[in-house]
Amino acid sequence: MTWLNSNSQKLSSNNFSIGDYIRSLPLEEKSYLDHFVNEKKFRKKEIIHSPNESSLKIFYIVEGGVRKFKYKEDKEITLDFFFEDEVIIPVNTHRLRPDYYLQTIQDSVLYQIALDNFERAKKASQKLQFLDSRVVELAYEQALSRLEDFQFLNATERYLKLMKKSPRIVKHIQLQHIASYLGINNASLSKIRAKL
């Protein structure tokens, strides 16, 4: 399966690449994990998770990008973006089901694994337990960074940071979704882009 041979080299925070770590696993552990992982190709704007999903899944982005959003008073609010070599893990797994949607930004390739299957797989491997703890740590760092961005950066700085994170994919994101992510309206985003 391509899970073992993915060529993604983009590094996540702190120079830890999830793809590189998985490729470095011993063959037996990679093969064991491979039993649970499914490669899926999604078209642009395809919903890959909704609040009424019957099972929780973890997604690893091989190619493309994903937008996380929810509805408030019939309006879409963009919460986050995820790009290549990043993992999307469900939140509130021990309480309520996640109430957000995940939608592809462009044609994308993702690996998905049911959360309960991954929980079983990691019990058999210390290396998978380390991967799990590192993924959770990265998710925490990402959430903290997002909070700090709103506390310490203005909208222009937040926009530039998003552009730097993945300039190739950001070009495919609708401006209304970027504005929502930045916490501004479309007119303010247009002014920021015009100044740059």
Protein backbone atom coordinates (compact mmCIF):
# COMPACT_ATOMS: atom_id res chain seq x y z
CA MET A 1 0.00 0.00 0.00
CA THR A 2 1.15 3.56 -0.64
CA TRP A 3 1.06 4.29 3.09
CA LEU A 4 4.50 2.69 3.19
CA ASN A 5 5.84 4.57 0.18
CA SER A 6 4.44 8.10 0.41
CA ASN A 7 6.92 10.69 -0.84
CA SER A 8 5.58 13.59 1.22
CA GLN A 9 8.53 15.44 2.72
CA LYS A 10 6.83 18.56 4.09
CA LEU A 11 7.67 18.98 7.74
CA SER A 12 5.17 19.67 10.45
CA SER A 13 6.06 21.88 13.40
CA ASN A 14 9.36 21.28 15.18
CA ASN A 15 10.74 19.50 12.09
CA PHE A 16 8.75 16.36 12.85
CA SER A 17 7.37 14.77 9.71
CA ILE A 18 4.59 12.29 10.35
CA GLY A 19 5.13 10.68 6.94
CA ASP A 20 8.87 10.30 7.51
CA TYR A 21 8.26 8.76 10.94
CA ILE A 22 5.84 6.20 9.54
CA ARG A 23 8.25 5.29 6.75
CA SER A 24 10.95 4.72 9.41
CA LEU A 25 8.85 2.16 11.30
CA PRO A 26 10.01 -1.45 11.20
CA LEU A 27 8.34 -3.43 8.41
CA GLU A 28 6.29 -5.54 10.82
CA GLU A 29 4.73 -2.47 12.44
CA LYS A 30 4.11 -0.77 9.10
CA SER A 31 2.43 -3.92 7.83
CA TYR A 32 0.29 -4.17 10.96
CA LEU A 33 -0.76 -0.53 10.65
CA ASP A 34 -1.41 -1.03 6.95
CA HIS A 35 -4.27 -3.43 7.75
CA PHE A 36 -6.24 -0.56 9.25
CA VAL A 37 -5.36 2.34 6.92
CA ASN A 38 -7.34 3.15 3.79
CA GLU A 39 -6.16 5.47 1.05
CA LYS A 40 -8.98 7.65 -0.26
CA LYS A 41 -9.06 10.15 -3.10
CA PHE A 42 -11.46 13.05 -2.74
CA ARG A 43 -12.62 15.66 -5.22
CA LYS A 44 -12.45 19.37 -4.51
CA LYS A 45 -15.13 20.57 -2.04
CA GLU A 46 -16.04 17.03 -1.01
CA ILE A 47 -17.25 16.63 2.59
CA ILE A 48 -15.12 13.97 4.27
CA HIS A 49 -16.57 14.31 7.77
CA SER A 50 -19.85 15.61 9.13
CA PRO A 51 -21.28 15.68 12.67
CA ASN A 52 -23.59 12.74 11.97
CA GLU A 53 -20.74 10.33 11.11
CA SER A 54 -21.26 6.93 12.68
CA SER A 55 -17.57 6.40 13.45
CA LEU A 56 -14.67 8.68 14.30
CA LYS A 57 -11.70 8.73 11.94
CA ILE A 58 -8.17 10.08 11.88
CA PHE A 59 -7.06 11.61 8.58
CA TYR A 60 -3.50 12.02 7.30
CA ILE A 61 -3.14 14.37 4.32
CA VAL A 62 -0.86 12.99 1.60
CA GLU A 63 -1.77 15.54 -1.06
CA GLY A 64 -4.04 18.56 -1.06
CA GLY A 65 -5.73 20.30 1.82
CA VAL A 66 -8.77 20.25 4.06
CA ARG A 67 -10.93 22.96 5.59
CA LYS A 68 -12.55 22.49 9.01
CA PHE A 69 -15.76 24.45 9.54
CA LYS A 70 -19.03 24.55 11.41
CA TYR A 71 -22.32 26.34 11.06
CA LYS A 72 -23.48 29.20 13.23
CA GLU A 73 -26.90 30.64 12.43
CA ASP A 74 -26.77 29.06 8.95
CA LYS A 75 -23.40 30.70 8.24
CA GLU A 76 -20.22 28.70 7.65
CA ILE A 77 -17.41 29.60 10.05
CA THR A 78 -13.98 28.33 9.00
CA LEU A 79 -12.11 27.02 12.03
CA ASP A 80 -8.88 25.73 10.52
CA PHE A 81 -7.00 24.51 7.48
CA PHE A 82 -4.87 21.37 7.22
CA PHE A 83 -2.24 20.71 4.57
CA GLU A 84 0.14 17.96 3.42
CA ASP A 85 1.86 15.87 6.12
CA GLU A 86 -0.65 16.95 8.75
CA VAL A 87 -3.06 14.80 10.71
CA ILE A 88 -6.63 15.67 11.63
CA ILE A 89 -7.72 13.99 14.84
CA PRO A 90 -11.24 14.14 16.29
CA VAL A 91 -11.69 16.33 19.35
CA ASN A 92 -13.89 15.61 22.36
CA THR A 93 -13.56 11.89 21.60
CA HIS A 94 -14.47 10.90 25.16
CA ARG A 95 -17.45 13.22 25.43
CA LEU A 96 -19.44 14.44 22.44
CA ARG A 97 -19.03 13.69 18.79
CA PRO A 98 -17.24 16.45 16.89
CA ASP A 99 -19.75 18.99 15.62
CA TYR A 100 -17.68 20.24 12.70
CA TYR A 101 -17.37 19.43 9.01
CA LEU A 102 -14.21 18.61 7.04
CA GLN A 103 -14.15 19.54 3.37
CA THR A 104 -11.38 19.24 0.80
CA ILE A 105 -9.93 22.48 -0.57
CA GLN A 106 -8.83 20.83 -3.81
CA ASP A 107 -8.56 17.29 -5.18
CA SER A 108 -6.83 15.48 -2.33
CA VAL A 109 -5.38 12.14 -1.27
CA LEU A 110 -5.87 11.16 2.35
CA TYR A 111 -5.17 8.14 4.47
CA GLN A 112 -7.91 7.39 6.94
CA ILE A 113 -8.07 5.07 9.90
CA ALA A 114 -10.95 4.47 12.27
CA LEU A 115 -10.07 5.86 15.69
CA ASP A 116 -10.94 2.60 17.47
CA ASN A 117 -8.71 0.63 15.08
CA PHE A 118 -5.80 2.98 15.73
CA GLU A 119 -6.36 2.63 19.48
CA ARG A 120 -6.06 -1.15 19.07
CA ALA A 121 -2.99 -0.87 16.83
CA LYS A 122 -1.05 1.39 19.18
CA LYS A 123 -1.55 -1.00 22.11
CA ALA A 124 0.67 -3.46 20.25
CA SER A 125 3.49 -1.01 19.52
CA GLN A 126 5.51 1.48 21.55
CA LYS A 127 6.45 3.26 18.32
CA LEU A 128 2.79 3.75 17.45
CA GLN A 129 2.17 4.98 21.00
CA PHE A 130 4.93 7.54 20.43
CA LEU A 131 3.36 8.53 17.12
CA ASP A 132 0.01 8.98 18.84
CA SER A 133 1.49 11.18 21.57
CA ARG A 134 3.40 13.22 18.97
CA VAL A 135 0.28 13.73 16.84
CA VAL A 136 -1.69 14.87 19.89
CA GLU A 137 1.17 17.20 20.81
CA LEU A 138 1.21 18.67 17.29
CA ALA A 139 -2.57 19.19 17.42
CA TYR A 140 -2.18 20.99 20.76
CA GLU A 141 0.63 23.17 19.36
CA GLN A 142 -1.51 24.03 16.35
CA ALA A 143 -4.50 25.01 18.51
CA LEU A 144 -2.27 27.08 20.81
CA SER A 145 -0.66 28.80 17.82
CA ARG A 146 -4.10 29.65 16.43
CA LEU A 147 -5.15 31.17 19.76
CA GLU A 148 -1.92 33.17 20.03
CA ASP A 149 -2.32 34.40 16.45
CA PHE A 150 -5.62 36.04 17.39
CA GLN A 151 -4.12 37.51 20.55
CA PHE A 152 -0.88 38.88 19.12
CA LEU A 153 -1.17 39.22 15.32
CA ASN A 154 -3.31 41.54 13.30
CA ALA A 155 -5.36 40.26 10.34
CA THR A 156 -2.61 41.10 7.82
CA GLU A 157 -0.03 39.16 9.83
CA ARG A 158 -2.39 36.20 10.17
CA TYR A 159 -2.96 36.23 6.40
CA LEU A 160 0.79 36.32 5.68
CA LYS A 161 1.35 33.44 8.09
CA LEU A 162 -1.29 31.35 6.31
CA MET A 163 0.28 32.17 2.93
CA LYS A 164 3.70 31.12 4.20
CA LYS A 165 2.39 27.85 5.61
CA SER A 166 1.25 26.49 2.27
CA PRO A 167 1.28 29.07 -0.55
CA ARG A 168 0.54 26.53 -3.29
CA ILE A 169 -2.67 25.32 -1.69
CA VAL A 170 -3.85 28.64 -0.24
CA LYS A 171 -4.33 29.84 -3.82
CA HIS A 172 -7.14 27.29 -4.12
CA ILE A 173 -9.05 28.45 -1.02
CA GLN A 174 -12.11 30.63 -1.62
CA LEU A 175 -11.56 34.14 -0.29
CA GLN A 176 -14.69 33.98 1.84
CA HIS A 177 -13.24 30.97 3.70
CA ILE A 178 -9.91 32.73 4.26
CA ALA A 179 -11.73 35.81 5.56
CA SER A 180 -13.77 33.66 7.94
CA TYR A 181 -10.60 31.90 9.16
CA LEU A 182 -8.95 35.29 9.78
CA GLY A 183 -12.00 36.58 11.63
CA ILE A 184 -12.65 39.42 9.17
CA ASN A 185 -15.10 40.16 6.38
CA ASN A 186 -14.48 39.82 2.65
CA ALA A 187 -14.01 43.57 2.15
CA SER A 188 -11.26 43.71 4.79
CA LEU A 189 -9.48 40.76 3.19
CA SER A 190 -9.66 42.45 -0.22
CA LYS A 191 -7.99 45.57 1.28
CA ILE A 192 -5.24 43.44 2.84
CA ARG A 193 -4.57 41.68 -0.47
CA ALA A 194 -4.57 44.97 -2.38
CA LYS A 195 -1.89 46.42 -0.05
CA LEU A 196 0.42 43.41 -0.40
